[in-house]
Amino acid sequence: PSPSPTGGNDENGRTRRLNWTLISGLFIAVIVIVAVVIL
């Protein structure tokens, strides 16, 4: 199941779900964004 967004901010909503694919450096960048959200 896709995780449900926990905030109304559009950027937060995008970063709540990590669609990293292990296949490029992009997956690191996505998780970095989510880690920023944690703070």
PDB file of all heavy atoms in Angstrom:
ATOM      1  N   PRO A   1       0.824  -1.201   0.000  1.00  0.00           N
ATOM      2  CA  PRO A   1       0.000   0.000   0.000  1.00  0.00           C
ATOM      3  C   PRO A   1       0.851   1.241   0.000  1.00  0.00           C
ATOM      4  O   PRO A   1       1.880   1.311   0.645  1.00  0.00           O
ATOM      5  CB  PRO A   1      -0.794  -0.126   1.312  1.00  0.00           C
ATOM      6  CG  PRO A   1      -0.716  -1.557   1.680  1.00  0.00           C
ATOM      7  CD  PRO A   1       0.597  -2.043   1.164  1.00  0.00           C
ATOM      8  N   SER A   2       0.415   2.253  -0.736  1.00  0.00           N
ATOM      9  CA  SER A   2       1.124   3.526  -0.749  1.00  0.00           C
ATOM     10  C   SER A   2       0.885   4.249   0.559  1.00  0.00           C
ATOM     11  O   SER A   2      -0.249   4.325   1.033  1.00  0.00           O
ATOM     12  CB  SER A   2       0.623   4.404  -1.904  1.00  0.00           C
ATOM     13  OG  SER A   2       0.853   3.750  -3.132  1.00  0.00           O
ATOM     14  N   PRO A   3       1.930   4.793   1.178  1.00  0.00           N
ATOM     15  CA  PRO A   3       1.764   5.531   2.427  1.00  0.00           C
ATOM     16  C   PRO A   3       0.900   6.747   2.205  1.00  0.00           C
ATOM     17  O   PRO A   3       0.955   7.401   1.164  1.00  0.00           O
ATOM     18  CB  PRO A   3       3.204   5.931   2.792  1.00  0.00           C
ATOM     19  CG  PRO A   3       4.076   5.000   2.012  1.00  0.00           C
ATOM     20  CD  PRO A   3       3.328   4.680   0.771  1.00  0.00           C
ATOM     21  N   SER A   4       0.076   7.068   3.183  1.00  0.00           N
ATOM     22  CA  SER A   4      -0.808   8.221   3.088  1.00  0.00           C
ATOM     23  C   SER A   4      -0.059   9.472   3.485  1.00  0.00           C
ATOM     24  O   SER A   4       0.683   9.484   4.460  1.00  0.00           O
ATOM     25  CB  SER A   4      -2.015   8.043   4.026  1.00  0.00           C
ATOM     26  OG  SER A   4      -2.735   6.907   3.674  1.00  0.00           O
ATOM     27  N   PRO A   5      -0.244  10.581   2.732  1.00  0.00           N
ATOM     28  CA  PRO A   5       0.393  11.839   3.106  1.00  0.00           C
ATOM     29  C   PRO A   5      -0.082  12.284   4.474  1.00  0.00           C
ATOM     30  O   PRO A   5      -1.234  12.092   4.838  1.00  0.00           O
ATOM     31  CB  PRO A   5      -0.066  12.812   2.014  1.00  0.00           C
ATOM     32  CG  PRO A   5      -0.452  11.938   0.854  1.00  0.00           C
ATOM     33  CD  PRO A   5      -0.983  10.682   1.473  1.00  0.00           C
ATOM     34  N   THR A   6       0.800  12.906   5.236  1.00  0.00           N
ATOM     35  CA  THR A   6       0.459  13.329   6.586  1.00  0.00           C
ATOM     36  C   THR A   6       0.397  14.828   6.714  1.00  0.00           C
ATOM     37  O   THR A   6       0.207  15.347   7.792  1.00  0.00           O
ATOM     38  CB  THR A   6       1.489  12.778   7.598  1.00  0.00           C
ATOM     39  OG1 THR A   6       2.776  13.254   7.223  1.00  0.00           O
ATOM     40  CG2 THR A   6       1.457  11.282   7.624  1.00  0.00           C
ATOM     41  N   GLY A   7       0.559  15.547   5.610  1.00  0.00           N
ATOM     42  CA  GLY A   7       0.493  16.990   5.685  1.00  0.00           C
ATOM     43  C   GLY A   7      -0.144  17.551   4.456  1.00  0.00           C
ATOM     44  O   GLY A   7      -0.270  16.904   3.427  1.00  0.00           O
ATOM     45  N   GLY A   8      -0.561  18.819   4.499  1.00  0.00           N
ATOM     46  CA  GLY A   8      -1.228  19.409   3.373  1.00  0.00           C
ATOM     47  C   GLY A   8      -0.263  20.024   2.382  1.00  0.00           C
ATOM     48  O   GLY A   8      -0.637  20.324   1.255  1.00  0.00           O
ATOM     49  N   ASN A   9       0.974  20.241   2.765  1.00  0.00           N
ATOM     50  CA  ASN A   9       1.936  20.848   1.873  1.00  0.00           C
ATOM     51  C   ASN A   9       2.206  19.936   0.698  1.00  0.00           C
ATOM     52  O   ASN A   9       2.457  18.747   0.845  1.00  0.00           O
ATOM     53  CB  ASN A   9       3.239  21.105   2.643  1.00  0.00           C
ATOM     54  CG  ASN A   9       4.280  21.762   1.776  1.00  0.00           C
ATOM     55  OD1 ASN A   9       4.983  21.071   1.045  1.00  0.00           O
ATOM     56  ND2 ASN A   9       4.375  23.082   1.858  1.00  0.00           N
ATOM     57  N   ASP A  10       2.180  20.486  -0.525  1.00  0.00           N
ATOM     58  CA  ASP A  10       2.328  19.664  -1.714  1.00  0.00           C
ATOM     59  C   ASP A  10       3.681  18.981  -1.782  1.00  0.00           C
ATOM     60  O   ASP A  10       3.788  17.820  -2.137  1.00  0.00           O
ATOM     61  CB  ASP A  10       2.117  20.536  -2.958  1.00  0.00           C
ATOM     62  CG  ASP A  10       2.200  19.727  -4.245  1.00  0.00           C
ATOM     63  OD1 ASP A  10       1.385  18.821  -4.406  1.00  0.00           O
ATOM     64  OD2 ASP A  10       3.085  20.013  -5.070  1.00  0.00           O
ATOM     65  N   GLU A  11       4.729  19.717  -1.386  1.00  0.00           N
ATOM     66  CA  GLU A  11       6.060  19.116  -1.424  1.00  0.00           C
ATOM     67  C   GLU A  11       6.169  17.979  -0.440  1.00  0.00           C
ATOM     68  O   GLU A  11       6.714  16.920  -0.738  1.00  0.00           O
ATOM     69  CB  GLU A  11       7.112  20.174  -1.111  1.00  0.00           C
ATOM     70  CG  GLU A  11       8.538  19.616  -1.169  1.00  0.00           C
ATOM     71  CD  GLU A  11       9.586  20.661  -0.885  1.00  0.00           C
ATOM     72  OE1 GLU A  11       9.200  21.833  -0.730  1.00  0.00           O
ATOM     73  OE2 GLU A  11      10.771  20.284  -0.824  1.00  0.00           O
ATOM     74  N   ASN A  12       5.618  18.148   0.781  1.00  0.00           N
ATOM     75  CA  ASN A  12       5.635  17.056   1.763  1.00  0.00           C
ATOM     76  C   ASN A  12       4.878  15.853   1.236  1.00  0.00           C
ATOM     77  O   ASN A  12       5.271  14.714   1.429  1.00  0.00           O
ATOM     78  CB  ASN A  12       5.030  17.521   3.083  1.00  0.00           C
ATOM     79  CG  ASN A  12       5.946  18.464   3.832  1.00  0.00           C
ATOM     80  OD1 ASN A  12       7.099  18.616   3.447  1.00  0.00           O
ATOM     81  ND2 ASN A  12       5.435  19.082   4.864  1.00  0.00           N
ATOM     82  N   GLY A  13       3.750  16.114   0.571  1.00  0.00           N
ATOM     83  CA  GLY A  13       2.965  15.004   0.050  1.00  0.00           C
ATOM     84  C   GLY A  13       3.751  14.191  -0.952  1.00  0.00           C
ATOM     85  O   GLY A  13       3.664  12.972  -0.983  1.00  0.00           O
ATOM     86  N   ARG A  14       4.525  14.867  -1.780  1.00  0.00           N
ATOM     87  CA  ARG A  14       5.321  14.137  -2.759  1.00  0.00           C
ATOM     88  C   ARG A  14       6.406  13.319  -2.096  1.00  0.00           C
ATOM     89  O   ARG A  14       6.718  12.215  -2.541  1.00  0.00           O
ATOM     90  CB  ARG A  14       5.967  15.119  -3.749  1.00  0.00           C
ATOM     91  CG  ARG A  14       4.989  15.754  -4.709  1.00  0.00           C
ATOM     92  CD  ARG A  14       5.749  16.366  -5.886  1.00  0.00           C
ATOM     93  NE  ARG A  14       6.734  17.340  -5.435  1.00  0.00           N
ATOM     94  CZ  ARG A  14       6.471  18.623  -5.287  1.00  0.00           C
ATOM     95  NH1 ARG A  14       5.237  19.073  -5.507  1.00  0.00           N
ATOM     96  NH2 ARG A  14       7.407  19.469  -4.901  1.00  0.00           N
ATOM     97  N   THR A  15       6.994  13.853  -1.043  1.00  0.00           N
ATOM     98  CA  THR A  15       8.144  13.168  -0.466  1.00  0.00           C
ATOM     99  C   THR A  15       7.768  12.099   0.525  1.00  0.00           C
ATOM    100  O   THR A  15       8.628  11.377   1.002  1.00  0.00           O
ATOM    101  CB  THR A  15       9.071  14.191   0.227  1.00  0.00           C
ATOM    102  OG1 THR A  15       8.309  14.882   1.212  1.00  0.00           O
ATOM    103  CG2 THR A  15       9.633  15.175  -0.770  1.00  0.00           C
ATOM    104  N   ARG A  16       6.495  11.954   0.881  1.00  0.00           N
ATOM    105  CA  ARG A  16       6.112  10.903   1.830  1.00  0.00           C
ATOM    106  C   ARG A  16       6.235   9.534   1.218  1.00  0.00           C
ATOM    107  O   ARG A  16       6.341   8.538   1.914  1.00  0.00           O
ATOM    108  CB  ARG A  16       4.671  11.110   2.297  1.00  0.00           C
ATOM    109  CG  ARG A  16       4.461  12.393   3.088  1.00  0.00           C
ATOM    110  CD  ARG A  16       5.294  12.434   4.334  1.00  0.00           C
ATOM    111  NE  ARG A  16       5.060  13.664   5.051  1.00  0.00           N
ATOM    112  CZ  ARG A  16       5.641  13.987   6.154  1.00  0.00           C
ATOM    113  NH1 ARG A  16       6.514  13.176   6.694  1.00  0.00           N
ATOM    114  NH2 ARG A  16       5.387  15.135   6.743  1.00  0.00           N
ATOM    115  N   ARG A  17       6.183   9.439  -0.085  1.00  0.00           N
ATOM    116  CA  ARG A  17       6.308   8.132  -0.730  1.00  0.00           C
ATOM    117  C   ARG A  17       7.614   8.071  -1.499  1.00  0.00           C
ATOM    118  O   ARG A  17       7.897   8.913  -2.326  1.00  0.00           O
ATOM    119  CB  ARG A  17       5.136   7.896  -1.681  1.00  0.00           C
ATOM    120  CG  ARG A  17       5.134   6.468  -2.218  1.00  0.00           C
ATOM    121  CD  ARG A  17       3.841   6.202  -2.991  1.00  0.00           C
ATOM    122  NE  ARG A  17       3.745   4.807  -3.340  1.00  0.00           N
ATOM    123  CZ  ARG A  17       4.284   4.288  -4.417  1.00  0.00           C
ATOM    124  NH1 ARG A  17       4.956   5.044  -5.240  1.00  0.00           N
ATOM    125  NH2 ARG A  17       4.153   2.997  -4.671  1.00  0.00           N
ATOM    126  N   LEU A  18       8.431   7.065  -1.196  1.00  0.00           N
ATOM    127  CA  LEU A  18       9.738   6.973  -1.820  1.00  0.00           C
ATOM    128  C   LEU A  18       9.661   6.041  -3.014  1.00  0.00           C
ATOM    129  O   LEU A  18       9.517   4.837  -2.859  1.00  0.00           O
ATOM    130  CB  LEU A  18      10.761   6.416  -0.818  1.00  0.00           C
ATOM    131  CG  LEU A  18      10.807   7.124   0.524  1.00  0.00           C
ATOM    132  CD1 LEU A  18      11.888   6.494   1.375  1.00  0.00           C
ATOM    133  CD2 LEU A  18      11.063   8.589   0.330  1.00  0.00           C
ATOM    134  N   ASN A  19       9.717   6.601  -4.195  1.00  0.00           N
ATOM    135  CA  ASN A  19       9.666   5.780  -5.389  1.00  0.00           C
ATOM    136  C   ASN A  19      11.067   5.558  -5.940  1.00  0.00           C
ATOM    137  O   ASN A  19      11.299   5.665  -7.129  1.00  0.00           O
ATOM    138  CB  ASN A  19       8.781   6.452  -6.449  1.00  0.00           C
ATOM    139  CG  ASN A  19       7.322   6.358  -6.114  1.00  0.00           C
ATOM    140  OD1 ASN A  19       6.888   5.330  -5.612  1.00  0.00           O
ATOM    141  ND2 ASN A  19       6.565   7.402  -6.363  1.00  0.00           N
ATOM    142  N   TRP A  20      12.013   5.281  -5.021  1.00  0.00           N
ATOM    143  CA  TRP A  20      13.361   5.037  -5.513  1.00  0.00           C
ATOM    144  C   TRP A  20      13.428   3.635  -6.077  1.00  0.00           C
ATOM    145  O   TRP A  20      12.751   2.746  -5.630  1.00  0.00           O
ATOM    146  CB  TRP A  20      14.400   5.277  -4.435  1.00  0.00           C
ATOM    147  CG  TRP A  20      14.250   4.465  -3.217  1.00  0.00           C
ATOM    148  CD1 TRP A  20      13.458   4.710  -2.151  1.00  0.00           C
ATOM    149  CD2 TRP A  20      14.913   3.236  -2.923  1.00  0.00           C
ATOM    150  NE1 TRP A  20      13.597   3.749  -1.210  1.00  0.00           N
ATOM    151  CE2 TRP A  20      14.468   2.834  -1.660  1.00  0.00           C
ATOM    152  CE3 TRP A  20      15.834   2.455  -3.611  1.00  0.00           C
ATOM    153  CZ2 TRP A  20      14.928   1.671  -1.062  1.00  0.00           C
ATOM    154  CZ3 TRP A  20      16.281   1.310  -3.015  1.00  0.00           C
ATOM    155  CH2 TRP A  20      15.827   0.922  -1.746  1.00  0.00           C
ATOM    156  N   THR A  21      14.265   3.437  -7.079  1.00  0.00           N
ATOM    157  CA  THR A  21      14.300   2.175  -7.800  1.00  0.00           C
ATOM    158  C   THR A  21      15.628   1.473  -7.740  1.00  0.00           C
ATOM    159  O   THR A  21      15.813   0.451  -8.386  1.00  0.00           O
ATOM    160  CB  THR A  21      13.961   2.404  -9.282  1.00  0.00           C
ATOM    161  OG1 THR A  21      14.967   3.252  -9.838  1.00  0.00           O
ATOM    162  CG2 THR A  21      12.601   3.020  -9.440  1.00  0.00           C
ATOM    163  N   LEU A  22      16.556   1.968  -6.987  1.00  0.00           N
ATOM    164  CA  LEU A  22      17.852   1.328  -6.850  1.00  0.00           C
ATOM    165  C   LEU A  22      18.661   1.431  -8.131  1.00  0.00           C
ATOM    166  O   LEU A  22      19.750   0.920  -8.201  1.00  0.00           O
ATOM    167  CB  LEU A  22      17.651  -0.162  -6.491  1.00  0.00           C
ATOM    168  CG  LEU A  22      18.625  -0.905  -5.582  1.00  0.00           C
ATOM    169  CD1 LEU A  22      18.353  -2.366  -5.619  1.00  0.00           C
ATOM    170  CD2 LEU A  22      20.078  -0.634  -5.842  1.00  0.00           C
ATOM    171  N   ILE A  23      18.129   2.064  -9.168  1.00  0.00           N
ATOM    172  CA  ILE A  23      18.767   1.969 -10.463  1.00  0.00           C
ATOM    173  C   ILE A  23      19.480   3.239 -10.868  1.00  0.00           C
ATOM    174  O   ILE A  23      20.030   3.300 -11.937  1.00  0.00           O
ATOM    175  CB  ILE A  23      17.755   1.575 -11.553  1.00  0.00           C
ATOM    176  CG1 ILE A  23      16.635   2.615 -11.630  1.00  0.00           C
ATOM    177  CG2 ILE A  23      17.204   0.209 -11.302  1.00  0.00           C
ATOM    178  CD1 ILE A  23      15.657   2.352 -12.740  1.00  0.00           C
ATOM    179  N   SER A  24      19.457   4.261 -10.051  1.00  0.00           N
ATOM    180  CA  SER A  24      20.218   5.458 -10.381  1.00  0.00           C
ATOM    181  C   SER A  24      20.428   6.272  -9.128  1.00  0.00           C
ATOM    182  O   SER A  24      19.844   6.013  -8.079  1.00  0.00           O
ATOM    183  CB  SER A  24      19.469   6.305 -11.420  1.00  0.00           C
ATOM    184  OG  SER A  24      18.375   6.949 -10.790  1.00  0.00           O
ATOM    185  N   GLY A  25      21.281   7.292  -9.246  1.00  0.00           N
ATOM    186  CA  GLY A  25      21.534   8.153  -8.107  1.00  0.00           C
ATOM    187  C   GLY A  25      20.312   8.910  -7.666  1.00  0.00           C
ATOM    188  O   GLY A  25      20.295   9.475  -6.580  1.00  0.00           O
ATOM    189  N   LEU A  26      19.253   8.897  -8.474  1.00  0.00           N
ATOM    190  CA  LEU A  26      18.042   9.622  -8.114  1.00  0.00           C
ATOM    191  C   LEU A  26      17.416   9.082  -6.848  1.00  0.00           C
ATOM    192  O   LEU A  26      16.801   9.804  -6.084  1.00  0.00           O
ATOM    193  CB  LEU A  26      17.025   9.551  -9.261  1.00  0.00           C
ATOM    194  CG  LEU A  26      17.358  10.383 -10.497  1.00  0.00           C
ATOM    195  CD1 LEU A  26      16.294  10.161 -11.558  1.00  0.00           C
ATOM    196  CD2 LEU A  26      17.452  11.856 -10.153  1.00  0.00           C
ATOM    197  N   PHE A  27      17.539   7.779  -6.596  1.00  0.00           N
ATOM    198  CA  PHE A  27      16.885   7.229  -5.414  1.00  0.00           C
ATOM    199  C   PHE A  27      17.517   7.777  -4.143  1.00  0.00           C
ATOM    200  O   PHE A  27      16.857   7.964  -3.137  1.00  0.00           O
ATOM    201  CB  PHE A  27      16.901   5.698  -5.425  1.00  0.00           C
ATOM    202  CG  PHE A  27      18.058   5.065  -4.715  1.00  0.00           C
ATOM    203  CD1 PHE A  27      17.945   4.703  -3.385  1.00  0.00           C
ATOM    204  CD2 PHE A  27      19.233   4.792  -5.375  1.00  0.00           C
ATOM    205  CE1 PHE A  27      18.988   4.098  -2.732  1.00  0.00           C
ATOM    206  CE2 PHE A  27      20.287   4.195  -4.722  1.00  0.00           C
ATOM    207  CZ  PHE A  27      20.165   3.847  -3.398  1.00  0.00           C
ATOM    208  N   ILE A  28      18.806   8.095  -4.187  1.00  0.00           N
ATOM    209  CA  ILE A  28      19.443   8.741  -3.057  1.00  0.00           C
ATOM    210  C   ILE A  28      18.843  10.125  -2.845  1.00  0.00           C
ATOM    211  O   ILE A  28      18.529  10.525  -1.732  1.00  0.00           O
ATOM    212  CB  ILE A  28      20.958   8.852  -3.282  1.00  0.00           C
ATOM    213  CG1 ILE A  28      21.606   7.460  -3.274  1.00  0.00           C
ATOM    214  CG2 ILE A  28      21.600   9.732  -2.221  1.00  0.00           C
ATOM    215  CD1 ILE A  28      21.657   6.811  -1.923  1.00  0.00           C
ATOM    216  N   ALA A  29      18.662  10.855  -3.933  1.00  0.00           N
ATOM    217  CA  ALA A  29      18.136  12.210  -3.812  1.00  0.00           C
ATOM    218  C   ALA A  29      16.737  12.222  -3.229  1.00  0.00           C
ATOM    219  O   ALA A  29      16.390  13.084  -2.423  1.00  0.00           O
ATOM    220  CB  ALA A  29      18.128  12.880  -5.185  1.00  0.00           C
ATOM    221  N   VAL A  30      15.907  11.263  -3.622  1.00  0.00           N
ATOM    222  CA  VAL A  30      14.543  11.195  -3.103  1.00  0.00           C
ATOM    223  C   VAL A  30      14.550  10.971  -1.604  1.00  0.00           C
ATOM    224  O   VAL A  30      13.830  11.628  -0.850  1.00  0.00           O
ATOM    225  CB  VAL A  30      13.756  10.072  -3.807  1.00  0.00           C
ATOM    226  CG1 VAL A  30      12.405   9.874  -3.144  1.00  0.00           C
ATOM    227  CG2 VAL A  30      13.563  10.415  -5.276  1.00  0.00           C
ATOM    228  N   ILE A  31      15.399  10.054  -1.130  1.00  0.00           N
ATOM    229  CA  ILE A  31      15.439   9.770   0.294  1.00  0.00           C
ATOM    230  C   ILE A  31      16.016  10.945   1.064  1.00  0.00           C
ATOM    231  O   ILE A  31      15.638  11.208   2.192  1.00  0.00           O
ATOM    232  CB  ILE A  31      16.214   8.470   0.564  1.00  0.00           C
ATOM    233  CG1 ILE A  31      15.544   7.307  -0.175  1.00  0.00           C
ATOM    234  CG2 ILE A  31      16.261   8.166   2.041  1.00  0.00           C
ATOM    235  CD1 ILE A  31      16.236   5.984  -0.002  1.00  0.00           C
ATOM    236  N   VAL A  32      16.943  11.671   0.452  1.00  0.00           N
ATOM    237  CA  VAL A  32      17.468  12.875   1.096  1.00  0.00           C
ATOM    238  C   VAL A  32      16.344  13.857   1.362  1.00  0.00           C
ATOM    239  O   VAL A  32      16.235  14.442   2.436  1.00  0.00           O
ATOM    240  CB  VAL A  32      18.555  13.528   0.225  1.00  0.00           C
ATOM    241  CG1 VAL A  32      18.860  14.930   0.713  1.00  0.00           C
ATOM    242  CG2 VAL A  32      19.826  12.691   0.241  1.00  0.00           C
ATOM    243  N   ILE A  33      15.451  14.025   0.376  1.00  0.00           N
ATOM    244  CA  ILE A  33      14.323  14.935   0.539  1.00  0.00           C
ATOM    245  C   ILE A  33      13.444  14.482   1.695  1.00  0.00           C
ATOM    246  O   ILE A  33      13.030  15.270   2.538  1.00  0.00           O
ATOM    247  CB  ILE A  33      13.502  15.016  -0.754  1.00  0.00           C
ATOM    248  CG1 ILE A  33      14.348  15.676  -1.860  1.00  0.00           C
ATOM    249  CG2 ILE A  33      12.225  15.819  -0.540  1.00  0.00           C
ATOM    250  CD1 ILE A  33      13.699  15.636  -3.217  1.00  0.00           C
ATOM    251  N   VAL A  34      13.181  13.176   1.770  1.00  0.00           N
ATOM    252  CA  VAL A  34      12.343  12.659   2.844  1.00  0.00           C
ATOM    253  C   VAL A  34      13.021  12.852   4.194  1.00  0.00           C
ATOM    254  O   VAL A  34      12.386  13.191   5.182  1.00  0.00           O
ATOM    255  CB  VAL A  34      12.022  11.171   2.607  1.00  0.00           C
ATOM    256  CG1 VAL A  34      11.201  10.615   3.758  1.00  0.00           C
ATOM    257  CG2 VAL A  34      11.257  11.005   1.311  1.00  0.00           C
ATOM    258  N   ALA A  35      14.326  12.642   4.233  1.00  0.00           N
ATOM    259  CA  ALA A  35      15.048  12.823   5.493  1.00  0.00           C
ATOM    260  C   ALA A  35      14.955  14.270   5.963  1.00  0.00           C
ATOM    261  O   ALA A  35      14.874  14.538   7.166  1.00  0.00           O
ATOM    262  CB  ALA A  35      16.513  12.414   5.318  1.00  0.00           C
ATOM    263  N   VAL A  36      14.972  15.206   5.030  1.00  0.00           N
ATOM    264  CA  VAL A  36      14.802  16.604   5.403  1.00  0.00           C
ATOM    265  C   VAL A  36      13.432  16.817   6.026  1.00  0.00           C
ATOM    266  O   VAL A  36      13.273  17.551   7.009  1.00  0.00           O
ATOM    267  CB  VAL A  36      14.973  17.516   4.169  1.00  0.00           C
ATOM    268  CG1 VAL A  36      14.591  18.943   4.503  1.00  0.00           C
ATOM    269  CG2 VAL A  36      16.415  17.462   3.678  1.00  0.00           C
ATOM    270  N   VAL A  37      12.409  16.157   5.467  1.00  0.00           N
ATOM    271  CA  VAL A  37      11.058  16.285   5.993  1.00  0.00           C
ATOM    272  C   VAL A  37      10.992  15.812   7.440  1.00  0.00           C
ATOM    273  O   VAL A  37      10.308  16.395   8.278  1.00  0.00           O
ATOM    274  CB  VAL A  37      10.060  15.474   5.132  1.00  0.00           C
ATOM    275  CG1 VAL A  37       8.689  15.469   5.774  1.00  0.00           C
ATOM    276  CG2 VAL A  37       9.980  16.075   3.737  1.00  0.00           C
ATOM    277  N   ILE A  38      11.750  14.758   7.771  1.00  0.00           N
ATOM    278  CA  ILE A  38      11.728  14.216   9.134  1.00  0.00           C
ATOM    279  C   ILE A  38      12.086  15.291  10.144  1.00  0.00           C
ATOM    280  O   ILE A  38      11.528  15.347  11.242  1.00  0.00           O
ATOM    281  CB  ILE A  38      12.726  13.046   9.277  1.00  0.00           C
ATOM    282  CG1 ILE A  38      12.313  11.901   8.372  1.00  0.00           C
ATOM    283  CG2 ILE A  38      12.791  12.572  10.707  1.00  0.00           C
ATOM    284  CD1 ILE A  38      13.296  10.771   8.375  1.00  0.00           C
ATOM    285  N   LEU A  39      13.026  16.141   9.789  1.00  0.00           N
ATOM    286  CA  LEU A  39      13.502  17.135  10.736  1.00  0.00           C
ATOM    287  C   LEU A  39      12.401  18.081  11.178  1.00  0.00           C
ATOM    288  O   LEU A  39      12.458  18.663  12.258  1.00  0.00           O
ATOM    289  CB  LEU A  39      14.635  17.941  10.098  1.00  0.00           C
ATOM    290  CG  LEU A  39      15.864  17.122   9.683  1.00  0.00           C
ATOM    291  CD1 LEU A  39      16.901  18.027   9.055  1.00  0.00           C
ATOM    292  CD2 LEU A  39      16.444  16.382  10.877  1.00  0.00           C
TER     293      LEU A  39
END
